[in-house]
Amino acid sequence: MKKAIIYTLLFVAIQALLPVLIQQALGLITGTVPVMDAKLMIICLTANSVAVLALFFLMRWTQVSRSYVRSRPWGVLFWCALAAAGAVIPSTWLQEQMPELPNFAEQEFDMILKDRWGYLAVGLLAPVCEELVFRGAVLRSLLRWAGHHWVAISISALLFALVHANPAQMPHAFVIGLLLGWLYYRTDSVVPGVVYHWVNNSIAYVVYNLYPDPSLRLIDILGGSQRSVAAAVLFSLFILLPSLYQLNLRLRKAA
């Protein structure tokens, strides 16, 4: 448990301090502290991911092995991608039924996601970085400590939700953290989680650019009909539930 907390705090510290250091360093070079615009935020997010990956690899807090990929788990990865796609609408619908939570990062996300380079930070680097930290290091240490794997998975999902530091994201992050933790526990690999996480973030990036108004709800996107919303949720469940069933059958550790 102690290691999991340390890993999480180090992740948070890098996310909080490195952008400030980058901003101040640029100020020393140019003579003026730059405004934190979209480009600078993307640079900082990219630097955060690279720094975290470098630290966790150098300290060997997370382990990366080719053995899982060598087992050719292409069916598992396909169903991971399909499950991520199928979860988007039901997750959005559930979140809309909850009381509206503060969205402290709305303006920052708007700036980042509207920039094409934002996909590098949000769609590519973030899934790899977060899976290696929260599943490859945090959950791995918790599984050694906890008496039951679902206790470890739940704690790791809670930590994953809390580090987002944005109430509007936390419910979705917690639920996804449970699923990602299950994928890691069953396979002892971050690869399925990276694929799921990548598809989830990529869909969020595409949808945001298609419908940039954050106040839009599913009913607005689907033509103003509750029947259309219900049909979309049902159709998505017909994708999500069989995908989870297939994953439950196929997930296994590499020999």
C-alpha atoms as a PDB file:
ATOM      1  CA  MET A   1       0.000   0.000   0.000  1.00  0.00           C
ATOM      2  CA  LYS A   2       2.848   2.375   0.898  1.00  0.00           C
ATOM      3  CA  LYS A   3       4.474   1.919  -2.518  1.00  0.00           C
ATOM      4  CA  ALA A   4       1.166   2.557  -4.300  1.00  0.00           C
ATOM      5  CA  ILE A   5       0.723   5.852  -2.440  1.00  0.00           C
ATOM      6  CA  ILE A   6       4.325   6.892  -3.182  1.00  0.00           C
ATOM      7  CA  TYR A   7       3.947   6.106  -6.895  1.00  0.00           C
ATOM      8  CA  THR A   8       0.713   8.101  -7.030  1.00  0.00           C
ATOM      9  CA  LEU A   9       2.172  11.094  -5.200  1.00  0.00           C
ATOM     10  CA  LEU A  10       5.222  11.138  -7.462  1.00  0.00           C
ATOM     11  CA  PHE A  11       2.941  11.073 -10.507  1.00  0.00           C
ATOM     12  CA  VAL A  12       0.927  13.999  -9.111  1.00  0.00           C
ATOM     13  CA  ALA A  13       4.066  15.946  -8.162  1.00  0.00           C
ATOM     14  CA  ILE A  14       5.496  15.684 -11.674  1.00  0.00           C
ATOM     15  CA  GLN A  15       2.167  16.715 -13.211  1.00  0.00           C
ATOM     16  CA  ALA A  16       1.993  19.752 -10.923  1.00  0.00           C
ATOM     17  CA  LEU A  17       5.609  20.938 -10.818  1.00  0.00           C
ATOM     18  CA  LEU A  18       7.043  20.256 -14.267  1.00  0.00           C
ATOM     19  CA  PRO A  19       4.739  22.708 -16.121  1.00  0.00           C
ATOM     20  CA  VAL A  20       5.730  25.449 -13.656  1.00  0.00           C
ATOM     21  CA  LEU A  21       9.432  24.699 -14.200  1.00  0.00           C
ATOM     22  CA  ILE A  22       8.982  24.707 -17.984  1.00  0.00           C
ATOM     23  CA  GLN A  23       7.102  28.001 -17.853  1.00  0.00           C
ATOM     24  CA  GLN A  24       9.739  29.614 -15.643  1.00  0.00           C
ATOM     25  CA  ALA A  25      12.609  28.262 -17.772  1.00  0.00           C
ATOM     26  CA  LEU A  26      11.049  29.735 -20.905  1.00  0.00           C
ATOM     27  CA  GLY A  27      10.643  33.009 -19.021  1.00  0.00           C
ATOM     28  CA  LEU A  28      14.347  33.079 -18.203  1.00  0.00           C
ATOM     29  CA  ILE A  29      15.237  32.385 -21.838  1.00  0.00           C
ATOM     30  CA  THR A  30      12.868  34.914 -23.406  1.00  0.00           C
ATOM     31  CA  GLY A  31      12.756  37.477 -20.595  1.00  0.00           C
ATOM     32  CA  THR A  32       8.977  37.139 -20.238  1.00  0.00           C
ATOM     33  CA  VAL A  33       7.044  34.324 -18.584  1.00  0.00           C
ATOM     34  CA  PRO A  34       4.843  32.910 -21.385  1.00  0.00           C
ATOM     35  CA  VAL A  35       1.094  32.605 -21.105  1.00  0.00           C
ATOM     36  CA  MET A  36      -0.110  29.021 -20.661  1.00  0.00           C
ATOM     37  CA  ASP A  37      -1.788  28.713 -24.072  1.00  0.00           C
ATOM     38  CA  ALA A  38      -2.747  25.533 -25.944  1.00  0.00           C
ATOM     39  CA  LYS A  39       0.711  24.932 -27.440  1.00  0.00           C
ATOM     40  CA  LEU A  40       2.479  25.351 -24.106  1.00  0.00           C
ATOM     41  CA  MET A  41      -0.053  23.118 -22.318  1.00  0.00           C
ATOM     42  CA  ILE A  42       0.509  20.391 -24.912  1.00  0.00           C
ATOM     43  CA  ILE A  43       4.278  20.728 -24.512  1.00  0.00           C
ATOM     44  CA  CYS A  44       3.890  20.455 -20.735  1.00  0.00           C
ATOM     45  CA  LEU A  45       1.582  17.423 -20.949  1.00  0.00           C
ATOM     46  CA  THR A  46       3.999  15.724 -23.327  1.00  0.00           C
ATOM     47  CA  ALA A  47       6.950  16.514 -21.063  1.00  0.00           C
ATOM     48  CA  ASN A  48       4.993  15.205 -18.054  1.00  0.00           C
ATOM     49  CA  SER A  49       4.368  11.855 -19.741  1.00  0.00           C
ATOM     50  CA  VAL A  50       7.975  11.509 -20.900  1.00  0.00           C
ATOM     51  CA  ALA A  51       9.325  12.414 -17.439  1.00  0.00           C
ATOM     52  CA  VAL A  52       7.004   9.963 -15.670  1.00  0.00           C
ATOM     53  CA  LEU A  53       7.863   7.155 -18.079  1.00  0.00           C
ATOM     54  CA  ALA A  54      11.577   7.828 -17.750  1.00  0.00           C
ATOM     55  CA  LEU A  55      11.415   7.846 -13.930  1.00  0.00           C
ATOM     56  CA  PHE A  56       9.354   4.663 -13.628  1.00  0.00           C
ATOM     57  CA  PHE A  57      11.490   2.813 -16.178  1.00  0.00           C
ATOM     58  CA  LEU A  58      14.808   3.922 -14.680  1.00  0.00           C
ATOM     59  CA  MET A  59      13.696   3.022 -11.152  1.00  0.00           C
ATOM     60  CA  ARG A  60      12.177  -0.235 -12.428  1.00  0.00           C
ATOM     61  CA  TRP A  61       8.926   0.464 -10.622  1.00  0.00           C
ATOM     62  CA  THR A  62       7.019  -0.862 -13.611  1.00  0.00           C
ATOM     63  CA  GLN A  63       7.935  -3.916 -15.608  1.00  0.00           C
ATOM     64  CA  VAL A  64       7.546  -4.227 -19.350  1.00  0.00           C
ATOM     65  CA  SER A  65       7.832  -7.578 -21.050  1.00  0.00           C
ATOM     66  CA  ARG A  66       7.292  -8.738 -24.623  1.00  0.00           C
ATOM     67  CA  SER A  67       5.976 -12.099 -23.483  1.00  0.00           C
ATOM     68  CA  TYR A  68       2.308 -11.059 -23.625  1.00  0.00           C
ATOM     69  CA  VAL A  69       2.578  -9.609 -27.142  1.00  0.00           C
ATOM     70  CA  ARG A  70       4.518 -12.694 -28.223  1.00  0.00           C
ATOM     71  CA  SER A  71       1.496 -14.790 -27.208  1.00  0.00           C
ATOM     72  CA  ARG A  72      -0.353 -13.073 -30.107  1.00  0.00           C
ATOM     73  CA  PRO A  73      -3.404 -11.863 -28.163  1.00  0.00           C
ATOM     74  CA  TRP A  74      -4.957 -10.188 -31.207  1.00  0.00           C
ATOM     75  CA  GLY A  75      -8.465 -11.373 -30.340  1.00  0.00           C
ATOM     76  CA  VAL A  76      -8.173  -9.904 -26.839  1.00  0.00           C
ATOM     77  CA  LEU A  77      -6.961  -6.572 -28.187  1.00  0.00           C
ATOM     78  CA  PHE A  78      -9.792  -6.498 -30.746  1.00  0.00           C
ATOM     79  CA  TRP A  79     -12.404  -7.054 -28.026  1.00  0.00           C
ATOM     80  CA  CYS A  80     -10.713  -4.441 -25.819  1.00  0.00           C
ATOM     81  CA  ALA A  81     -11.058  -1.880 -28.592  1.00  0.00           C
ATOM     82  CA  LEU A  82     -14.668  -2.885 -29.241  1.00  0.00           C
ATOM     83  CA  ALA A  83     -15.528  -2.736 -25.528  1.00  0.00           C
ATOM     84  CA  ALA A  84     -14.076   0.778 -25.308  1.00  0.00           C
ATOM     85  CA  ALA A  85     -16.189   1.890 -28.267  1.00  0.00           C
ATOM     86  CA  GLY A  86     -19.306   0.260 -26.836  1.00  0.00           C
ATOM     87  CA  ALA A  87     -18.868   1.879 -23.422  1.00  0.00           C
ATOM     88  CA  VAL A  88     -18.854   5.494 -24.628  1.00  0.00           C
ATOM     89  CA  ILE A  89     -22.590   6.137 -24.977  1.00  0.00           C
ATOM     90  CA  PRO A  90     -23.748   4.159 -21.884  1.00  0.00           C
ATOM     91  CA  SER A  91     -21.064   5.890 -19.797  1.00  0.00           C
ATOM     92  CA  THR A  92     -22.097   9.302 -21.110  1.00  0.00           C
ATOM     93  CA  TRP A  93     -25.768   8.530 -20.467  1.00  0.00           C
ATOM     94  CA  LEU A  94     -25.068   7.406 -16.892  1.00  0.00           C
ATOM     95  CA  GLN A  95     -23.040  10.538 -16.235  1.00  0.00           C
ATOM     96  CA  GLU A  96     -25.920  12.687 -17.498  1.00  0.00           C
ATOM     97  CA  GLN A  97     -28.247  11.049 -14.942  1.00  0.00           C
ATOM     98  CA  MET A  98     -25.960  12.082 -12.085  1.00  0.00           C
ATOM     99  CA  PRO A  99     -25.953  15.528 -10.446  1.00  0.00           C
ATOM    100  CA  GLU A 100     -23.751  17.878 -12.458  1.00  0.00           C
ATOM    101  CA  LEU A 101     -20.256  18.017 -10.998  1.00  0.00           C
ATOM    102  CA  PRO A 102     -17.818  20.949 -11.254  1.00  0.00           C
ATOM    103  CA  ASN A 103     -15.619  20.826 -14.333  1.00  0.00           C
ATOM    104  CA  PHE A 104     -12.473  22.652 -13.272  1.00  0.00           C
ATOM    105  CA  ALA A 105     -10.525  21.619 -16.379  1.00  0.00           C
ATOM    106  CA  GLU A 106     -13.133  22.520 -18.998  1.00  0.00           C
ATOM    107  CA  GLN A 107     -11.253  25.507 -20.414  1.00  0.00           C
ATOM    108  CA  GLU A 108      -7.914  23.665 -20.501  1.00  0.00           C
ATOM    109  CA  PHE A 109      -9.428  20.637 -22.234  1.00  0.00           C
ATOM    110  CA  ASP A 110     -11.141  22.894 -24.729  1.00  0.00           C
ATOM    111  CA  MET A 111      -7.814  24.471 -25.686  1.00  0.00           C
ATOM    112  CA  ILE A 112      -5.928  21.177 -25.864  1.00  0.00           C
ATOM    113  CA  LEU A 113      -8.510  19.110 -27.732  1.00  0.00           C
ATOM    114  CA  LYS A 114      -9.094  21.774 -30.357  1.00  0.00           C
ATOM    115  CA  ASP A 115      -5.398  21.658 -31.295  1.00  0.00           C
ATOM    116  CA  ARG A 116      -4.394  18.782 -33.566  1.00  0.00           C
ATOM    117  CA  TRP A 117      -1.224  18.268 -31.506  1.00  0.00           C
ATOM    118  CA  GLY A 118      -3.427  17.718 -28.479  1.00  0.00           C
ATOM    119  CA  TYR A 119      -4.000  14.177 -29.693  1.00  0.00           C
ATOM    120  CA  LEU A 120      -0.306  13.401 -29.140  1.00  0.00           C
ATOM    121  CA  ALA A 121      -0.626  14.210 -25.438  1.00  0.00           C
ATOM    122  CA  VAL A 122      -4.190  13.025 -24.760  1.00  0.00           C
ATOM    123  CA  GLY A 123      -4.684  10.237 -27.281  1.00  0.00           C
ATOM    124  CA  LEU A 124      -1.244   8.614 -27.463  1.00  0.00           C
ATOM    125  CA  LEU A 125       1.061   9.431 -24.554  1.00  0.00           C
ATOM    126  CA  ALA A 126      -1.514   9.638 -21.747  1.00  0.00           C
ATOM    127  CA  PRO A 127      -2.839   6.064 -22.215  1.00  0.00           C
ATOM    128  CA  VAL A 128       0.674   4.590 -22.217  1.00  0.00           C
ATOM    129  CA  CYS A 129       1.884   6.689 -19.285  1.00  0.00           C
ATOM    130  CA  GLU A 130      -1.187   6.178 -17.090  1.00  0.00           C
ATOM    131  CA  GLU A 131      -1.371   2.430 -17.711  1.00  0.00           C
ATOM    132  CA  LEU A 132       2.287   1.926 -16.891  1.00  0.00           C
ATOM    133  CA  VAL A 133       1.896   3.912 -13.666  1.00  0.00           C
ATOM    134  CA  PHE A 134      -1.552   2.968 -12.367  1.00  0.00           C
ATOM    135  CA  ARG A 135      -1.696  -0.620 -13.539  1.00  0.00           C
ATOM    136  CA  GLY A 136       1.959  -1.535 -14.094  1.00  0.00           C
ATOM    137  CA  ALA A 137       3.205  -0.007 -10.831  1.00  0.00           C
ATOM    138  CA  VAL A 138       0.361   1.025  -8.493  1.00  0.00           C
ATOM    139  CA  LEU A 139      -1.945  -1.963  -9.050  1.00  0.00           C
ATOM    140  CA  ARG A 140       0.964  -4.423  -9.253  1.00  0.00           C
ATOM    141  CA  SER A 141       2.112  -3.343  -5.778  1.00  0.00           C
ATOM    142  CA  LEU A 142      -1.454  -3.386  -4.407  1.00  0.00           C
ATOM    143  CA  LEU A 143      -2.052  -6.928  -5.665  1.00  0.00           C
ATOM    144  CA  ARG A 144       0.882  -8.072  -3.528  1.00  0.00           C
ATOM    145  CA  TRP A 145      -0.554  -6.269  -0.477  1.00  0.00           C
ATOM    146  CA  ALA A 146      -4.322  -6.784  -0.656  1.00  0.00           C
ATOM    147  CA  GLY A 147      -6.051  -9.945   0.475  1.00  0.00           C
ATOM    148  CA  HIS A 148      -8.369  -9.971  -2.540  1.00  0.00           C
ATOM    149  CA  HIS A 149      -7.688  -8.763  -6.060  1.00  0.00           C
ATOM    150  CA  TRP A 150     -10.887  -6.678  -6.222  1.00  0.00           C
ATOM    151  CA  VAL A 151      -9.749  -4.743  -3.160  1.00  0.00           C
ATOM    152  CA  ALA A 152      -6.504  -3.889  -4.978  1.00  0.00           C
ATOM    153  CA  ILE A 153      -8.342  -3.072  -8.211  1.00  0.00           C
ATOM    154  CA  SER A 154     -10.831  -0.808  -6.392  1.00  0.00           C
ATOM    155  CA  ILE A 155      -8.100   1.113  -4.558  1.00  0.00           C
ATOM    156  CA  SER A 156      -6.123   1.595  -7.765  1.00  0.00           C
ATOM    157  CA  ALA A 157      -9.284   2.787  -9.561  1.00  0.00           C
ATOM    158  CA  LEU A 158      -9.967   5.268  -6.742  1.00  0.00           C
ATOM    159  CA  LEU A 159      -6.418   6.634  -6.924  1.00  0.00           C
ATOM    160  CA  PHE A 160      -6.738   6.839 -10.716  1.00  0.00           C
ATOM    161  CA  ALA A 161      -9.941   8.865 -10.368  1.00  0.00           C
ATOM    162  CA  LEU A 162      -8.539  11.183  -7.704  1.00  0.00           C
ATOM    163  CA  VAL A 163      -5.400  12.140  -9.643  1.00  0.00           C
ATOM    164  CA  HIS A 164      -7.574  13.566 -12.404  1.00  0.00           C
ATOM    165  CA  ALA A 165      -8.371  16.312  -9.848  1.00  0.00           C
ATOM    166  CA  ASN A 166     -11.527  17.201 -11.745  1.00  0.00           C
ATOM    167  CA  PRO A 167     -14.876  16.128 -10.214  1.00  0.00           C
ATOM    168  CA  ALA A 168     -16.579  15.953 -13.629  1.00  0.00           C
ATOM    169  CA  GLN A 169     -14.108  13.273 -14.767  1.00  0.00           C
ATOM    170  CA  MET A 170     -13.871  11.242 -11.573  1.00  0.00           C
ATOM    171  CA  PRO A 171     -16.938   8.933 -11.874  1.00  0.00           C
ATOM    172  CA  HIS A 172     -15.985   7.871 -15.417  1.00  0.00           C
ATOM    173  CA  ALA A 173     -12.320   7.503 -14.450  1.00  0.00           C
ATOM    174  CA  PHE A 174     -13.232   5.291 -11.472  1.00  0.00           C
ATOM    175  CA  VAL A 175     -15.423   2.946 -13.516  1.00  0.00           C
ATOM    176  CA  ILE A 176     -12.866   2.741 -16.326  1.00  0.00           C
ATOM    177  CA  GLY A 177     -10.168   2.211 -13.682  1.00  0.00           C
ATOM    178  CA  LEU A 178     -12.037  -0.872 -12.441  1.00  0.00           C
ATOM    179  CA  LEU A 179     -12.187  -2.327 -15.936  1.00  0.00           C
ATOM    180  CA  LEU A 180      -8.558  -1.499 -16.707  1.00  0.00           C
ATOM    181  CA  GLY A 181      -7.521  -3.043 -13.398  1.00  0.00           C
ATOM    182  CA  TRP A 182      -9.410  -6.223 -14.245  1.00  0.00           C
ATOM    183  CA  LEU A 183      -7.663  -6.403 -17.622  1.00  0.00           C
ATOM    184  CA  TYR A 184      -4.287  -6.095 -15.917  1.00  0.00           C
ATOM    185  CA  TYR A 185      -5.094  -8.647 -13.205  1.00  0.00           C
ATOM    186  CA  ARG A 186      -6.222 -11.238 -15.740  1.00  0.00           C
ATOM    187  CA  THR A 187      -3.277 -10.792 -18.119  1.00  0.00           C
ATOM    188  CA  ASP A 188      -0.430  -9.448 -15.962  1.00  0.00           C
ATOM    189  CA  SER A 189       0.177  -7.004 -18.841  1.00  0.00           C
ATOM    190  CA  VAL A 190      -0.586  -3.349 -19.493  1.00  0.00           C
ATOM    191  CA  VAL A 191      -1.071  -3.957 -23.231  1.00  0.00           C
ATOM    192  CA  PRO A 192      -4.858  -4.654 -23.147  1.00  0.00           C
ATOM    193  CA  GLY A 193      -5.354  -1.611 -20.918  1.00  0.00           C
ATOM    194  CA  VAL A 194      -3.301   0.614 -23.215  1.00  0.00           C
ATOM    195  CA  VAL A 195      -5.453  -0.436 -26.178  1.00  0.00           C
ATOM    196  CA  TYR A 196      -8.702   0.171 -24.274  1.00  0.00           C
ATOM    197  CA  HIS A 197      -7.433   3.492 -22.899  1.00  0.00           C
ATOM    198  CA  TRP A 198      -6.195   4.612 -26.326  1.00  0.00           C
ATOM    199  CA  VAL A 199      -9.552   3.895 -28.006  1.00  0.00           C
ATOM    200  CA  ASN A 200     -11.443   5.616 -25.164  1.00  0.00           C
ATOM    201  CA  ASN A 201      -9.307   8.778 -25.367  1.00  0.00           C
ATOM    202  CA  SER A 202      -9.276   8.779 -29.171  1.00  0.00           C
ATOM    203  CA  ILE A 203     -13.076   8.659 -29.305  1.00  0.00           C
ATOM    204  CA  ALA A 204     -13.254  11.492 -26.763  1.00  0.00           C
ATOM    205  CA  TYR A 205     -10.881  13.547 -28.921  1.00  0.00           C
ATOM    206  CA  VAL A 206     -12.869  12.941 -32.129  1.00  0.00           C
ATOM    207  CA  VAL A 207     -16.281  13.539 -30.523  1.00  0.00           C
ATOM    208  CA  TYR A 208     -15.097  16.767 -28.897  1.00  0.00           C
ATOM    209  CA  ASN A 209     -13.938  18.104 -32.249  1.00  0.00           C
ATOM    210  CA  LEU A 210     -17.215  17.117 -33.896  1.00  0.00           C
ATOM    211  CA  TYR A 211     -19.337  18.570 -31.065  1.00  0.00           C
ATOM    212  CA  PRO A 212     -17.179  21.187 -29.285  1.00  0.00           C
ATOM    213  CA  ASP A 213     -20.041  22.626 -27.194  1.00  0.00           C
ATOM    214  CA  PRO A 214     -19.583  21.009 -23.726  1.00  0.00           C
ATOM    215  CA  SER A 215     -23.203  21.756 -22.797  1.00  0.00           C
ATOM    216  CA  LEU A 216     -24.529  19.390 -25.481  1.00  0.00           C
ATOM    217  CA  ARG A 217     -26.212  16.243 -24.195  1.00  0.00           C
ATOM    218  CA  LEU A 218     -26.854  12.944 -25.939  1.00  0.00           C
ATOM    219  CA  ILE A 219     -30.405  13.992 -26.750  1.00  0.00           C
ATOM    220  CA  ASP A 220     -29.098  17.098 -28.562  1.00  0.00           C
ATOM    221  CA  ILE A 221     -26.600  15.092 -30.610  1.00  0.00           C
ATOM    222  CA  LEU A 222     -29.175  12.388 -31.464  1.00  0.00           C
ATOM    223  CA  GLY A 223     -31.855  14.662 -32.840  1.00  0.00           C
ATOM    224  CA  GLY A 224     -33.777  15.633 -29.704  1.00  0.00           C
ATOM    225  CA  SER A 225     -35.537  12.295 -29.244  1.00  0.00           C
ATOM    226  CA  GLN A 226     -35.450  10.252 -26.047  1.00  0.00           C
ATOM    227  CA  ARG A 227     -36.265   7.215 -28.144  1.00  0.00           C
ATOM    228  CA  SER A 228     -33.095   7.778 -30.163  1.00  0.00           C
ATOM    229  CA  VAL A 229     -31.075   8.056 -26.948  1.00  0.00           C
ATOM    230  CA  ALA A 230     -32.555   4.799 -25.633  1.00  0.00           C
ATOM    231  CA  ALA A 231     -31.840   3.076 -28.957  1.00  0.00           C
ATOM    232  CA  ALA A 232     -28.245   4.329 -28.967  1.00  0.00           C
ATOM    233  CA  VAL A 233     -27.672   3.136 -25.390  1.00  0.00           C
ATOM    234  CA  LEU A 234     -29.211  -0.251 -26.192  1.00  0.00           C
ATOM    235  CA  PHE A 235     -27.188  -0.630 -29.394  1.00  0.00           C
ATOM    236  CA  SER A 236     -23.999   0.237 -27.504  1.00  0.00           C
ATOM    237  CA  LEU A 237     -24.800  -2.343 -24.833  1.00  0.00           C
ATOM    238  CA  PHE A 238     -25.138  -4.942 -27.593  1.00  0.00           C
ATOM    239  CA  ILE A 239     -21.516  -4.102 -28.389  1.00  0.00           C
ATOM    240  CA  LEU A 240     -20.190  -3.668 -24.853  1.00  0.00           C
ATOM    241  CA  LEU A 241     -21.686  -6.724 -23.122  1.00  0.00           C
ATOM    242  CA  PRO A 242     -20.624  -9.331 -25.723  1.00  0.00           C
ATOM    243  CA  SER A 243     -17.172  -7.718 -25.766  1.00  0.00           C
ATOM    244  CA  LEU A 244     -16.862  -8.114 -21.994  1.00  0.00           C
ATOM    245  CA  TYR A 245     -18.105 -11.693 -22.282  1.00  0.00           C
ATOM    246  CA  GLN A 246     -15.485 -12.475 -24.930  1.00  0.00           C
ATOM    247  CA  LEU A 247     -12.783 -10.842 -22.822  1.00  0.00           C
ATOM    248  CA  ASN A 248     -13.798 -12.906 -19.807  1.00  0.00           C
ATOM    249  CA  LEU A 249     -13.355 -16.043 -21.924  1.00  0.00           C
ATOM    250  CA  ARG A 250     -10.066 -14.998 -23.550  1.00  0.00           C
ATOM    251  CA  LEU A 251      -8.095 -13.080 -20.920  1.00  0.00           C
ATOM    252  CA  ARG A 252      -5.147 -15.047 -19.599  1.00  0.00           C
ATOM    253  CA  LYS A 253      -1.549 -14.529 -18.613  1.00  0.00           C
ATOM    254  CA  ALA A 254       1.157 -15.276 -21.145  1.00  0.00           C
ATOM    255  CA  ALA A 255       2.613 -18.758 -20.804  1.00  0.00           C
END
